[in-house]
Amino acid sequence: YDNHWVLGIVERTKLRKCFFKMVKDRNAYTLKRLIKTHVKPGSTIYTDSWKGYSDLENIGMGFKHRRVNHKKPKYNLRKTSSRENAINCKLYKHNRSGYNRIHFDKIKNAWRFEWMIENNKHKVKWFFITKNRTSEQAKQLAIDFKMEHDKKTGNKNGY
């Protein structure tokens, strides 16, 4: 179980529901399977331009896919990444205010993608995938985050 990835989803609502899953492979098949399982059909998914996210619109769930290419010096901030930048600011604010003890900006080899669910509440969810952790470290990271999350939000639902 060494060097597993931890996939975490945090919902941006008052409940701030979250989900963690240890995965062995961060390949397109694994990520698409998890997206199909945990993302509402018809959602708009915002990702970076990693090839594993290609073809998300064609996996049979009515997803819309928007990409941001951070390697391009002038990607269109107004059209493609305004929500992503807002999410980054939200994460920074939470980390600075003690929302959780995991400082995502200090985790090496972290991969993050986000998507916006288009419904009347406009919920935002985040994925965090971190590599180079033993299975015990990854499990403890997820448990610590979940416990702190539940403490801050008063979530007693167990998810």
C-alpha atoms as a PDB file:
ATOM      1  CA  TYR A   1       0.000   0.000   0.000  1.00  0.00           C
ATOM      2  CA  ASP A   2       2.966   2.342  -0.139  1.00  0.00           C
ATOM      3  CA  ASN A   3       2.680   5.374  -2.392  1.00  0.00           C
ATOM      4  CA  HIS A   4      -1.083   5.297  -2.729  1.00  0.00           C
ATOM      5  CA  TRP A   5      -2.960   8.419  -3.679  1.00  0.00           C
ATOM      6  CA  VAL A   6      -5.551  10.030  -1.419  1.00  0.00           C
ATOM      7  CA  LEU A   7      -8.548  11.385  -3.268  1.00  0.00           C
ATOM      8  CA  GLY A   8     -10.540  13.888  -1.224  1.00  0.00           C
ATOM      9  CA  ILE A   9     -13.738  15.704  -2.117  1.00  0.00           C
ATOM     10  CA  VAL A  10     -14.960  18.653  -0.089  1.00  0.00           C
ATOM     11  CA  GLU A  11     -18.340  20.211  -0.822  1.00  0.00           C
ATOM     12  CA  ARG A  12     -18.723  23.953  -0.478  1.00  0.00           C
ATOM     13  CA  THR A  13     -21.997  24.117   1.410  1.00  0.00           C
ATOM     14  CA  LYS A  14     -22.927  24.828   5.013  1.00  0.00           C
ATOM     15  CA  LEU A  15     -22.478  21.134   5.812  1.00  0.00           C
ATOM     16  CA  ARG A  16     -19.121  20.971   4.017  1.00  0.00           C
ATOM     17  CA  LYS A  17     -19.525  17.251   3.385  1.00  0.00           C
ATOM     18  CA  CYS A  18     -16.293  15.519   2.485  1.00  0.00           C
ATOM     19  CA  PHE A  19     -15.206  12.179   1.105  1.00  0.00           C
ATOM     20  CA  PHE A  20     -11.796  10.478   1.044  1.00  0.00           C
ATOM     21  CA  LYS A  21     -10.716   7.490  -1.001  1.00  0.00           C
ATOM     22  CA  MET A  22      -7.339   5.803  -1.220  1.00  0.00           C
ATOM     23  CA  VAL A  23      -6.516   4.829  -4.787  1.00  0.00           C
ATOM     24  CA  LYS A  24      -3.575   2.855  -6.070  1.00  0.00           C
ATOM     25  CA  ASP A  25      -3.416   4.482  -9.493  1.00  0.00           C
ATOM     26  CA  ARG A  26      -4.010   8.045 -10.575  1.00  0.00           C
ATOM     27  CA  ASN A  27      -4.806   7.098 -14.127  1.00  0.00           C
ATOM     28  CA  ALA A  28      -7.611   8.253 -16.390  1.00  0.00           C
ATOM     29  CA  TYR A  29      -9.684   5.092 -15.842  1.00  0.00           C
ATOM     30  CA  THR A  30      -9.595   5.382 -12.041  1.00  0.00           C
ATOM     31  CA  LEU A  31     -10.373   9.106 -11.995  1.00  0.00           C
ATOM     32  CA  LYS A  32     -13.201   8.826 -14.520  1.00  0.00           C
ATOM     33  CA  ARG A  33     -14.739   5.942 -12.561  1.00  0.00           C
ATOM     34  CA  LEU A  34     -14.651   7.994  -9.344  1.00  0.00           C
ATOM     35  CA  ILE A  35     -16.025  11.075 -11.102  1.00  0.00           C
ATOM     36  CA  LYS A  36     -18.916   9.012 -12.497  1.00  0.00           C
ATOM     37  CA  THR A  37     -19.603   7.664  -9.008  1.00  0.00           C
ATOM     38  CA  HIS A  38     -19.349  10.886  -6.990  1.00  0.00           C
ATOM     39  CA  VAL A  39     -20.213  13.798  -9.303  1.00  0.00           C
ATOM     40  CA  LYS A  40     -23.777  14.782 -10.095  1.00  0.00           C
ATOM     41  CA  PRO A  41     -24.752  14.063 -13.732  1.00  0.00           C
ATOM     42  CA  GLY A  42     -24.824  17.193 -15.870  1.00  0.00           C
ATOM     43  CA  SER A  43     -22.195  18.992 -13.774  1.00  0.00           C
ATOM     44  CA  THR A  44     -19.597  21.275 -15.268  1.00  0.00           C
ATOM     45  CA  ILE A  45     -16.156  19.990 -14.347  1.00  0.00           C
ATOM     46  CA  TYR A  46     -13.247  22.430 -14.201  1.00  0.00           C
ATOM     47  CA  THR A  47      -9.785  20.851 -14.398  1.00  0.00           C
ATOM     48  CA  ASP A  48      -6.317  21.686 -15.506  1.00  0.00           C
ATOM     49  CA  SER A  49      -5.167  20.296 -18.847  1.00  0.00           C
ATOM     50  CA  TRP A  50      -3.782  16.934 -17.674  1.00  0.00           C
ATOM     51  CA  LYS A  51      -4.479  14.291 -20.340  1.00  0.00           C
ATOM     52  CA  GLY A  52      -6.233  12.011 -17.846  1.00  0.00           C
ATOM     53  CA  TYR A  53      -9.172  14.411 -17.816  1.00  0.00           C
ATOM     54  CA  SER A  54      -9.637  14.305 -21.569  1.00  0.00           C
ATOM     55  CA  ASP A  55     -12.917  12.935 -22.827  1.00  0.00           C
ATOM     56  CA  LEU A  56     -14.885  13.682 -19.620  1.00  0.00           C
ATOM     57  CA  GLU A  57     -17.762  14.980 -21.727  1.00  0.00           C
ATOM     58  CA  ASN A  58     -18.096  11.578 -23.382  1.00  0.00           C
ATOM     59  CA  ILE A  59     -18.358   9.225 -20.401  1.00  0.00           C
ATOM     60  CA  GLY A  60     -22.137   9.160 -20.516  1.00  0.00           C
ATOM     61  CA  MET A  61     -23.199  11.453 -17.663  1.00  0.00           C
ATOM     62  CA  GLY A  62     -23.797  14.728 -19.487  1.00  0.00           C
ATOM     63  CA  PHE A  63     -20.732  16.429 -18.000  1.00  0.00           C
ATOM     64  CA  LYS A  64     -19.462  19.693 -19.424  1.00  0.00           C
ATOM     65  CA  HIS A  65     -15.674  20.008 -19.219  1.00  0.00           C
ATOM     66  CA  ARG A  66     -13.682  23.229 -19.029  1.00  0.00           C
ATOM     67  CA  ARG A  67      -9.868  23.228 -18.957  1.00  0.00           C
ATOM     68  CA  VAL A  68      -7.303  25.722 -17.742  1.00  0.00           C
ATOM     69  CA  ASN A  69      -3.790  25.406 -19.174  1.00  0.00           C
ATOM     70  CA  HIS A  70      -1.485  26.939 -16.594  1.00  0.00           C
ATOM     71  CA  LYS A  71       1.537  26.460 -18.868  1.00  0.00           C
ATOM     72  CA  LYS A  72       0.211  29.016 -21.334  1.00  0.00           C
ATOM     73  CA  PRO A  73       1.354  32.480 -20.288  1.00  0.00           C
ATOM     74  CA  LYS A  74      -1.951  34.141 -21.144  1.00  0.00           C
ATOM     75  CA  TYR A  75      -4.797  31.737 -20.526  1.00  0.00           C
ATOM     76  CA  ASN A  76      -8.137  33.487 -20.442  1.00  0.00           C
ATOM     77  CA  LEU A  77      -8.722  34.270 -16.769  1.00  0.00           C
ATOM     78  CA  ARG A  78     -12.130  35.766 -17.353  1.00  0.00           C
ATOM     79  CA  LYS A  79     -13.643  32.816 -19.220  1.00  0.00           C
ATOM     80  CA  THR A  80     -11.949  29.705 -17.843  1.00  0.00           C
ATOM     81  CA  SER A  81     -10.535  30.142 -14.396  1.00  0.00           C
ATOM     82  CA  SER A  82     -12.528  32.712 -12.449  1.00  0.00           C
ATOM     83  CA  ARG A  83     -14.154  29.960 -10.398  1.00  0.00           C
ATOM     84  CA  GLU A  84     -10.845  28.173  -9.989  1.00  0.00           C
ATOM     85  CA  ASN A  85      -9.196  31.352  -8.717  1.00  0.00           C
ATOM     86  CA  ALA A  86     -12.087  31.879  -6.302  1.00  0.00           C
ATOM     87  CA  ILE A  87     -11.618  28.327  -5.042  1.00  0.00           C
ATOM     88  CA  ASN A  88      -7.891  28.904  -4.564  1.00  0.00           C
ATOM     89  CA  CYS A  89      -8.658  32.045  -2.539  1.00  0.00           C
ATOM     90  CA  LYS A  90     -11.187  30.118  -0.453  1.00  0.00           C
ATOM     91  CA  LEU A  91      -8.619  27.419   0.304  1.00  0.00           C
ATOM     92  CA  TYR A  92      -6.000  30.010   1.237  1.00  0.00           C
ATOM     93  CA  LYS A  93      -8.479  31.758   3.522  1.00  0.00           C
ATOM     94  CA  HIS A  94      -9.422  28.491   5.233  1.00  0.00           C
ATOM     95  CA  ASN A  95      -5.779  27.538   5.774  1.00  0.00           C
ATOM     96  CA  ARG A  96      -4.941  30.979   7.192  1.00  0.00           C
ATOM     97  CA  SER A  97      -7.955  31.020   9.495  1.00  0.00           C
ATOM     98  CA  GLY A  98      -7.232  27.596  10.970  1.00  0.00           C
ATOM     99  CA  TYR A  99     -10.079  25.861   9.133  1.00  0.00           C
ATOM    100  CA  ASN A 100      -7.985  22.728   9.018  1.00  0.00           C
ATOM    101  CA  ARG A 101      -4.540  21.659  10.037  1.00  0.00           C
ATOM    102  CA  ILE A 102      -3.568  20.319   6.637  1.00  0.00           C
ATOM    103  CA  HIS A 103      -1.754  23.027   4.726  1.00  0.00           C
ATOM    104  CA  PHE A 104      -2.351  21.997   1.141  1.00  0.00           C
ATOM    105  CA  ASP A 105       0.115  24.562  -0.182  1.00  0.00           C
ATOM    106  CA  LYS A 106       2.889  22.760   1.710  1.00  0.00           C
ATOM    107  CA  ILE A 107       2.091  19.236   0.530  1.00  0.00           C
ATOM    108  CA  LYS A 108       4.521  18.253  -2.179  1.00  0.00           C
ATOM    109  CA  ASN A 109       3.290  16.509  -5.285  1.00  0.00           C
ATOM    110  CA  ALA A 110      -0.287  17.594  -4.704  1.00  0.00           C
ATOM    111  CA  TRP A 111      -2.747  17.498  -7.565  1.00  0.00           C
ATOM    112  CA  ARG A 112      -6.006  19.319  -7.334  1.00  0.00           C
ATOM    113  CA  PHE A 113      -8.944  19.756  -9.602  1.00  0.00           C
ATOM    114  CA  GLU A 114     -12.284  21.322  -9.025  1.00  0.00           C
ATOM    115  CA  TRP A 115     -15.651  21.461 -10.633  1.00  0.00           C
ATOM    116  CA  MET A 116     -18.728  23.554 -10.345  1.00  0.00           C
ATOM    117  CA  ILE A 117     -22.080  21.856 -10.035  1.00  0.00           C
ATOM    118  CA  GLU A 118     -24.637  23.843 -11.927  1.00  0.00           C
ATOM    119  CA  ASN A 119     -27.817  23.853  -9.908  1.00  0.00           C
ATOM    120  CA  ASN A 120     -29.795  26.382  -7.969  1.00  0.00           C
ATOM    121  CA  LYS A 121     -27.330  26.373  -5.069  1.00  0.00           C
ATOM    122  CA  HIS A 122     -24.156  26.467  -7.198  1.00  0.00           C
ATOM    123  CA  LYS A 123     -22.200  24.030  -5.062  1.00  0.00           C
ATOM    124  CA  VAL A 124     -18.462  23.768  -5.577  1.00  0.00           C
ATOM    125  CA  LYS A 125     -16.515  20.612  -4.856  1.00  0.00           C
ATOM    126  CA  TRP A 126     -12.775  20.093  -4.669  1.00  0.00           C
ATOM    127  CA  PHE A 127     -10.593  17.072  -5.216  1.00  0.00           C
ATOM    128  CA  PHE A 128      -7.214  16.743  -3.592  1.00  0.00           C
ATOM    129  CA  ILE A 129      -4.927  13.948  -4.586  1.00  0.00           C
ATOM    130  CA  THR A 130      -1.589  13.623  -2.821  1.00  0.00           C
ATOM    131  CA  LYS A 131       1.183  11.218  -3.683  1.00  0.00           C
ATOM    132  CA  ASN A 132       4.320   9.880  -2.027  1.00  0.00           C
ATOM    133  CA  ARG A 133       2.690   8.863   1.212  1.00  0.00           C
ATOM    134  CA  THR A 134       2.582   5.424   2.736  1.00  0.00           C
ATOM    135  CA  SER A 135      -0.872   3.969   3.132  1.00  0.00           C
ATOM    136  CA  GLU A 136      -0.780   4.678   6.872  1.00  0.00           C
ATOM    137  CA  GLN A 137       0.261   8.311   6.314  1.00  0.00           C
ATOM    138  CA  ALA A 138      -2.447   8.761   3.700  1.00  0.00           C
ATOM    139  CA  LYS A 139      -5.060   7.168   5.932  1.00  0.00           C
ATOM    140  CA  GLN A 140      -4.034   9.336   8.898  1.00  0.00           C
ATOM    141  CA  LEU A 141      -4.089  12.474   6.719  1.00  0.00           C
ATOM    142  CA  ALA A 142      -7.654  11.695   5.656  1.00  0.00           C
ATOM    143  CA  ILE A 143      -8.770  10.876   9.204  1.00  0.00           C
ATOM    144  CA  ASP A 144      -7.199  14.041  10.647  1.00  0.00           C
ATOM    145  CA  PHE A 145      -8.799  16.219   8.001  1.00  0.00           C
ATOM    146  CA  LYS A 146     -12.205  14.583   8.420  1.00  0.00           C
ATOM    147  CA  MET A 147     -12.145  14.932  12.212  1.00  0.00           C
ATOM    148  CA  GLU A 148     -11.099  18.592  12.069  1.00  0.00           C
ATOM    149  CA  HIS A 149     -13.653  19.209   9.327  1.00  0.00           C
ATOM    150  CA  ASP A 150     -16.476  17.690  11.382  1.00  0.00           C
ATOM    151  CA  LYS A 151     -15.397  19.636  14.459  1.00  0.00           C
ATOM    152  CA  LYS A 152     -15.456  22.959  12.576  1.00  0.00           C
ATOM    153  CA  THR A 153     -18.734  22.312  10.784  1.00  0.00           C
ATOM    154  CA  GLY A 154     -20.625  20.353  13.415  1.00  0.00           C
ATOM    155  CA  ASN A 155     -21.138  17.543  10.902  1.00  0.00           C
ATOM    156  CA  LYS A 156     -22.367  14.433  12.722  1.00  0.00           C
ATOM    157  CA  ASN A 157     -23.512  12.488   9.672  1.00  0.00           C
ATOM    158  CA  GLY A 158     -20.331  10.427   9.312  1.00  0.00           C
ATOM    159  CA  TYR A 159     -19.595  11.451   5.721  1.00  0.00           C
END
